[in-house]
Amino acid sequence: MGNIITDLRQRFRTGSISLQLIYINIGIYLLLTLVSVFLRLFNIQGDWVIRWLEMPSDVTRLFIQPWSIITYMFLHADVLHLLFNMLWLYWFGQLFLYNYSSKHLRGLYLLGGIAGALLYLLFYNIFPYFHGVSGMMVGASASVLAIVVATAVSMPDYQLRLLLFGPVRLKYVALVVVLTDLLFITSSNAGGHIAHLGGALAGWLFARGIHSGKYDATAWINKILDTIVGWFHRPSKPRMKVHVGKRAKDYDFNARKKAQDDEIDRILDKVRQSGYDGLSAEEKRKLFDASRR
């Protein structure tokens, strides 16, 4: 058992940010399920635990449990709900990292979830159709759709091979998903579809900002996260600095970094022109290594 836990911890530390988010979602689902089973043994319903973590449509309740705007995006209703969201996060997370950094994915996951929660709250408290309806929402769908749309904006002509449909360009996949959510915002799962649209909007704004060079919509989230991580990070003892040949070393380092950046740019251009499947094994390895830096 100890070896399994050690192996999982090692995989978590060395895995990509998308894999780490998947581990977190699965871990939370298993933990809450175990708590629910334990409470049920004593004839105690565990639903109250989930209620304090779900995203409410009632503004008053949100003031009572403001953390819900974050916690809801790590909860799932059942195994299938978790499975589909994590598969989408895995597939599109890898594609996302071809064009953006790990911090961008981390920040956009949270930004998409927050945007989805706010749009859900807005719809349920403005439009007459939802008056008198009290809802609670869980799921990573808004976060995942933000990543899907941002990837589609950066790689619109990248081809996915879909069962029964064959090769389909990524921009059409994103378009169909968004249109489907628009058509079902008055369905029985209205809250989920509304949140999807909020996540999609966040992904589009993020990608447009990055590609225009004007802003990074995830910068404020990553700044907060870096500050929190810094609180738990103990600075190491200062080491003696060696300055011998520093200028030459800096020149060599900069030269190597420029060469690596040029190679990654070339590979990304090749992906845009002929798709990921057109890359050699070595080129795929270089892209994967670059996405983890």
Protein backbone atom coordinates (compact mmCIF):
# COMPACT_ATOMS: atom_id res chain seq x y z
CA MET A 1 0.00 0.00 0.00
CA GLY A 2 2.85 2.33 0.87
CA ASN A 3 4.42 1.77 -2.55
CA ILE A 4 1.14 2.66 -4.29
CA ILE A 5 0.82 5.92 -2.35
CA THR A 6 4.48 6.78 -3.01
CA ASP A 7 4.01 6.05 -6.71
CA LEU A 8 0.89 8.23 -6.89
CA ARG A 9 2.66 11.08 -5.12
CA GLN A 10 5.57 10.82 -7.52
CA ARG A 11 3.26 10.81 -10.53
CA PHE A 12 1.43 13.82 -9.16
CA ARG A 13 4.66 15.80 -8.65
CA THR A 14 6.11 14.93 -12.06
CA GLY A 15 2.87 14.99 -14.07
CA SER A 16 1.57 17.88 -16.16
CA ILE A 17 -0.77 20.43 -14.58
CA SER A 18 -3.76 18.86 -16.35
CA LEU A 19 -2.89 15.48 -14.82
CA GLN A 20 -2.52 17.11 -11.40
CA LEU A 21 -5.97 18.70 -11.71
CA ILE A 22 -7.39 15.30 -12.67
CA TYR A 23 -5.81 13.73 -9.58
CA ILE A 24 -7.26 16.48 -7.38
CA ASN A 25 -10.76 16.03 -8.81
CA ILE A 26 -10.66 12.25 -8.44
CA GLY A 27 -9.20 12.50 -4.93
CA ILE A 28 -11.93 14.89 -3.77
CA TYR A 29 -14.65 12.69 -5.28
CA LEU A 30 -13.31 9.58 -3.54
CA LEU A 31 -12.89 11.41 -0.22
CA LEU A 32 -16.43 12.81 -0.21
CA THR A 33 -17.85 9.44 -1.26
CA LEU A 34 -16.05 7.69 1.60
CA VAL A 35 -17.30 10.32 4.07
CA SER A 36 -20.85 9.83 2.79
CA VAL A 37 -20.59 6.02 3.14
CA PHE A 38 -19.17 6.34 6.66
CA LEU A 39 -21.97 8.67 7.78
CA ARG A 40 -24.59 6.42 6.24
CA LEU A 41 -23.40 3.55 8.44
CA PHE A 42 -24.73 5.61 11.35
CA ASN A 43 -27.95 6.47 9.47
CA ILE A 44 -26.69 10.03 8.94
CA GLN A 45 -27.22 11.62 5.54
CA GLY A 46 -24.01 13.14 4.16
CA ASP A 47 -25.74 15.50 1.73
CA TRP A 48 -25.18 18.45 4.07
CA VAL A 49 -21.42 18.21 3.44
CA ILE A 50 -21.92 18.63 -0.31
CA ARG A 51 -24.43 21.45 0.14
CA TRP A 52 -21.79 23.57 1.84
CA LEU A 53 -19.46 23.10 -1.14
CA GLU A 54 -21.94 23.42 -4.05
CA MET A 55 -22.45 26.66 -5.99
CA PRO A 56 -25.88 28.12 -5.03
CA SER A 57 -28.08 30.19 -7.32
CA ASP A 58 -29.24 32.22 -4.30
CA VAL A 59 -27.06 35.32 -3.69
CA THR A 60 -27.81 35.30 0.05
CA ARG A 61 -26.59 31.74 0.42
CA LEU A 62 -23.46 32.56 -1.57
CA PHE A 63 -22.63 35.28 0.97
CA ILE A 64 -22.89 32.62 3.68
CA GLN A 65 -20.61 30.19 1.82
CA PRO A 66 -18.46 32.33 -0.54
CA TRP A 67 -15.91 29.53 -0.96
CA SER A 68 -18.50 27.69 -3.08
CA ILE A 69 -17.51 29.71 -6.15
CA ILE A 70 -14.22 27.75 -6.06
CA THR A 71 -15.11 24.43 -4.43
CA TYR A 72 -18.01 23.59 -6.75
CA MET A 73 -15.67 23.17 -9.74
CA PHE A 74 -13.93 20.25 -8.00
CA LEU A 75 -17.14 18.34 -7.18
CA HIS A 76 -19.08 15.88 -9.33
CA ALA A 77 -22.54 14.36 -9.10
CA ASP A 78 -21.53 10.81 -10.00
CA VAL A 79 -18.84 8.67 -11.59
CA LEU A 80 -19.93 9.31 -15.19
CA HIS A 81 -20.02 13.07 -14.60
CA LEU A 82 -16.47 12.88 -13.25
CA LEU A 83 -15.29 10.54 -16.03
CA PHE A 84 -16.44 12.69 -18.95
CA ASN A 85 -15.09 15.92 -17.48
CA MET A 86 -11.71 14.36 -16.69
CA LEU A 87 -11.42 12.82 -20.18
CA TRP A 88 -12.05 16.21 -21.76
CA LEU A 89 -9.59 17.83 -19.37
CA TYR A 90 -6.93 15.25 -20.23
CA TRP A 91 -7.38 15.46 -24.03
CA PHE A 92 -7.66 19.22 -24.36
CA GLY A 93 -5.26 19.92 -21.51
CA GLN A 94 -2.45 18.30 -23.51
CA LEU A 95 -3.35 20.32 -26.62
CA PHE A 96 -3.61 23.51 -24.57
CA LEU A 97 -0.06 23.07 -23.28
CA TYR A 98 1.32 23.11 -26.84
CA ASN A 99 0.59 26.84 -26.99
CA TYR A 100 0.37 28.02 -23.38
CA SER A 101 2.15 27.42 -20.09
CA SER A 102 1.20 25.26 -17.12
CA LYS A 103 0.38 28.39 -15.12
CA HIS A 104 -1.97 29.51 -17.87
CA LEU A 105 -3.85 26.20 -17.65
CA ARG A 106 -3.98 26.36 -13.87
CA GLY A 107 -5.26 29.91 -13.95
CA LEU A 108 -7.76 29.32 -16.76
CA TYR A 109 -9.25 26.29 -15.01
CA LEU A 110 -10.12 28.54 -12.06
CA LEU A 111 -11.09 31.52 -14.23
CA GLY A 112 -13.44 29.40 -16.35
CA GLY A 113 -15.06 27.97 -13.24
CA ILE A 114 -15.52 31.41 -11.68
CA ALA A 115 -16.93 32.86 -14.91
CA GLY A 116 -19.35 29.93 -15.19
CA ALA A 117 -20.51 30.40 -11.59
CA LEU A 118 -21.04 34.15 -12.04
CA LEU A 119 -23.05 33.73 -15.27
CA TYR A 120 -25.14 31.02 -13.57
CA LEU A 121 -25.80 33.39 -10.66
CA LEU A 122 -26.64 36.24 -13.04
CA PHE A 123 -29.15 34.25 -15.11
CA TYR A 124 -30.95 32.81 -12.10
CA ASN A 125 -31.38 36.24 -10.51
CA ILE A 126 -32.23 38.37 -13.56
CA PHE A 127 -34.35 36.40 -16.02
CA PRO A 128 -38.02 35.85 -15.05
CA TYR A 129 -37.87 32.25 -16.31
CA PHE A 130 -35.72 31.32 -13.29
CA HIS A 131 -37.57 33.35 -10.63
CA GLY A 132 -38.61 31.15 -7.74
CA VAL A 133 -36.19 28.42 -8.80
CA SER A 134 -33.45 27.55 -6.35
CA GLY A 135 -30.55 25.58 -7.74
CA MET A 136 -27.20 24.15 -6.67
CA MET A 137 -24.41 23.39 -9.13
CA VAL A 138 -21.35 21.13 -9.16
CA GLY A 139 -18.87 20.09 -11.84
CA ALA A 140 -15.69 21.06 -13.68
CA SER A 141 -17.50 21.52 -17.02
CA ALA A 142 -17.19 25.33 -17.12
CA SER A 143 -13.46 25.09 -16.33
CA VAL A 144 -12.92 22.40 -18.97
CA LEU A 145 -14.87 24.28 -21.63
CA ALA A 146 -12.73 27.36 -21.02
CA ILE A 147 -9.68 25.22 -21.86
CA VAL A 148 -11.42 23.73 -24.92
CA VAL A 149 -12.35 27.13 -26.37
CA ALA A 150 -8.93 28.66 -25.67
CA THR A 151 -7.31 25.70 -27.45
CA ALA A 152 -9.69 26.06 -30.39
CA VAL A 153 -8.82 29.76 -30.73
CA SER A 154 -5.09 29.00 -30.82
CA MET A 155 -5.34 25.85 -33.00
CA PRO A 156 -8.58 26.27 -35.00
CA ASP A 157 -7.61 23.93 -37.84
CA TYR A 158 -6.17 21.16 -35.68
CA GLN A 159 -8.00 17.94 -36.60
CA LEU A 160 -9.53 15.58 -34.07
CA ARG A 161 -10.49 12.07 -35.13
CA LEU A 162 -13.99 11.49 -33.78
CA LEU A 163 -15.78 8.16 -33.76
CA LEU A 164 -18.40 8.01 -36.56
CA PHE A 165 -17.39 11.47 -37.84
CA GLY A 166 -13.72 11.02 -38.74
CA PRO A 167 -11.39 14.05 -38.84
CA VAL A 168 -13.07 17.22 -37.52
CA ARG A 169 -11.39 20.59 -37.07
CA LEU A 170 -11.15 21.80 -33.51
CA LYS A 171 -12.97 25.07 -34.20
CA TYR A 172 -16.08 23.13 -35.27
CA VAL A 173 -15.98 20.96 -32.15
CA ALA A 174 -15.93 24.06 -29.95
CA LEU A 175 -18.65 25.74 -32.01
CA VAL A 176 -21.01 22.75 -31.76
CA VAL A 177 -20.49 22.49 -28.00
CA VAL A 178 -21.21 26.20 -27.45
CA LEU A 179 -24.29 26.16 -29.72
CA THR A 180 -25.61 23.08 -27.91
CA ASP A 181 -25.32 24.89 -24.58
CA LEU A 182 -27.15 27.92 -26.02
CA LEU A 183 -30.01 25.71 -27.18
CA PHE A 184 -30.41 24.04 -23.78
CA ILE A 185 -30.22 26.99 -21.34
CA THR A 186 -33.90 26.41 -20.48
CA SER A 187 -33.61 22.64 -20.10
CA SER A 188 -33.71 20.62 -16.87
CA ASN A 189 -29.93 21.15 -16.57
CA ALA A 190 -30.13 24.86 -17.34
CA GLY A 191 -27.56 25.81 -14.70
CA GLY A 192 -24.93 23.53 -16.18
CA HIS A 193 -25.39 24.83 -19.73
CA ILE A 194 -25.30 28.45 -18.55
CA ALA A 195 -22.08 27.78 -16.64
CA HIS A 196 -20.59 26.18 -19.77
CA LEU A 197 -21.21 29.41 -21.67
CA GLY A 198 -19.49 31.41 -18.93
CA GLY A 199 -16.47 29.12 -19.13
CA ALA A 200 -16.42 29.33 -22.93
CA LEU A 201 -16.47 33.13 -22.76
CA ALA A 202 -13.58 33.12 -20.29
CA GLY A 203 -11.56 30.82 -22.58
CA TRP A 204 -12.19 33.04 -25.59
CA LEU A 205 -11.25 36.24 -23.74
CA PHE A 206 -8.09 34.61 -22.39
CA ALA A 207 -6.93 33.37 -25.81
CA ARG A 208 -7.71 36.69 -27.53
CA GLY A 209 -5.82 38.59 -24.85
CA ILE A 210 -2.75 36.37 -25.07
CA HIS A 211 -2.61 36.36 -28.88
CA SER A 212 -3.09 40.13 -29.09
CA GLY A 213 -0.37 40.63 -26.50
CA LYS A 214 -2.57 43.09 -24.60
CA TYR A 215 -3.42 41.17 -21.44
CA ASP A 216 -3.33 37.85 -19.62
CA ALA A 217 -6.74 37.20 -18.04
CA THR A 218 -5.23 34.61 -15.70
CA ALA A 219 -2.45 36.85 -14.34
CA TRP A 220 -4.35 37.93 -11.21
CA ILE A 221 -5.32 34.36 -10.33
CA ASN A 222 -1.78 33.07 -10.76
CA LYS A 223 -0.45 35.94 -8.66
CA ILE A 224 -2.78 34.94 -5.81
CA LEU A 225 -1.87 31.26 -6.16
CA ASP A 226 1.86 32.02 -6.23
CA THR A 227 1.47 34.10 -3.06
CA ILE A 228 -0.38 31.27 -1.30
CA VAL A 229 2.25 28.74 -2.38
CA GLY A 230 4.94 31.13 -1.14
CA TRP A 231 3.45 31.05 2.36
CA PHE A 232 4.17 27.32 2.60
CA HIS A 233 7.57 27.44 0.93
CA ARG A 234 10.52 27.70 3.26
CA PRO A 235 13.47 29.51 1.73
CA SER A 236 16.57 27.37 1.49
CA LYS A 237 19.81 28.33 3.13
CA PRO A 238 21.86 30.78 1.08
CA ARG A 239 24.67 29.23 -0.87
CA MET A 240 27.97 30.69 -1.89
CA LYS A 241 27.68 32.29 -5.31
CA VAL A 242 30.41 31.67 -7.86
CA HIS A 243 30.91 34.42 -10.44
CA VAL A 244 33.78 32.91 -12.40
CA GLY A 245 32.97 33.06 -16.08
CA LYS A 246 29.45 34.36 -15.37
CA ARG A 247 29.24 36.44 -18.53
CA ALA A 248 30.30 33.54 -20.71
CA LYS A 249 27.85 31.22 -18.97
CA ASP A 250 25.03 33.74 -19.44
CA TYR A 251 25.85 34.00 -23.13
CA ASP A 252 25.84 30.20 -23.55
CA PHE A 253 22.58 29.87 -21.62
CA ASN A 254 20.84 32.56 -23.67
CA ALA A 255 22.06 31.02 -26.90
CA ARG A 256 20.75 27.58 -25.93
CA LYS A 257 17.42 29.02 -24.80
CA LYS A 258 16.96 30.92 -28.06
CA ALA A 259 17.71 27.78 -30.06
CA GLN A 260 15.18 25.80 -28.02
CA ASP A 261 12.53 28.51 -28.43
CA ASP A 262 13.12 28.65 -32.19
CA GLU A 263 12.73 24.87 -32.42
CA ILE A 264 9.45 24.92 -30.47
CA ASP A 265 8.12 27.73 -32.70
CA ARG A 266 8.98 25.65 -35.76
CA ILE A 267 7.18 22.58 -34.35
CA LEU A 268 4.09 24.64 -33.45
CA ASP A 269 3.97 26.03 -36.99
CA LYS A 270 4.09 22.46 -38.26
CA VAL A 271 1.20 21.49 -35.93
CA ARG A 272 -0.93 24.35 -37.28
CA GLN A 273 -0.23 23.34 -40.88
CA SER A 274 -0.44 19.53 -40.77
CA GLY A 275 -1.79 18.66 -37.32
CA TYR A 276 -0.25 16.91 -34.35
CA ASP A 277 -0.19 13.53 -36.09
CA GLY A 278 2.23 14.96 -38.63
CA LEU A 279 4.99 15.34 -36.01
CA SER A 280 7.80 12.88 -35.55
CA ALA A 281 8.28 11.09 -32.22
CA GLU A 282 11.20 13.39 -31.39
CA GLU A 283 9.17 16.52 -32.16
CA LYS A 284 6.32 15.27 -29.95
CA ARG A 285 8.79 14.66 -27.14
CA LYS A 286 10.21 18.17 -27.45
CA LEU A 287 6.72 19.67 -27.32
CA PHE A 288 5.83 17.64 -24.25
CA ASP A 289 9.06 18.65 -22.46
CA ALA A 290 8.47 22.30 -23.32
CA SER A 291 4.90 22.21 -21.98
CA ARG A 292 6.17 21.06 -18.57
CA ARG A 293 8.76 23.85 -18.17
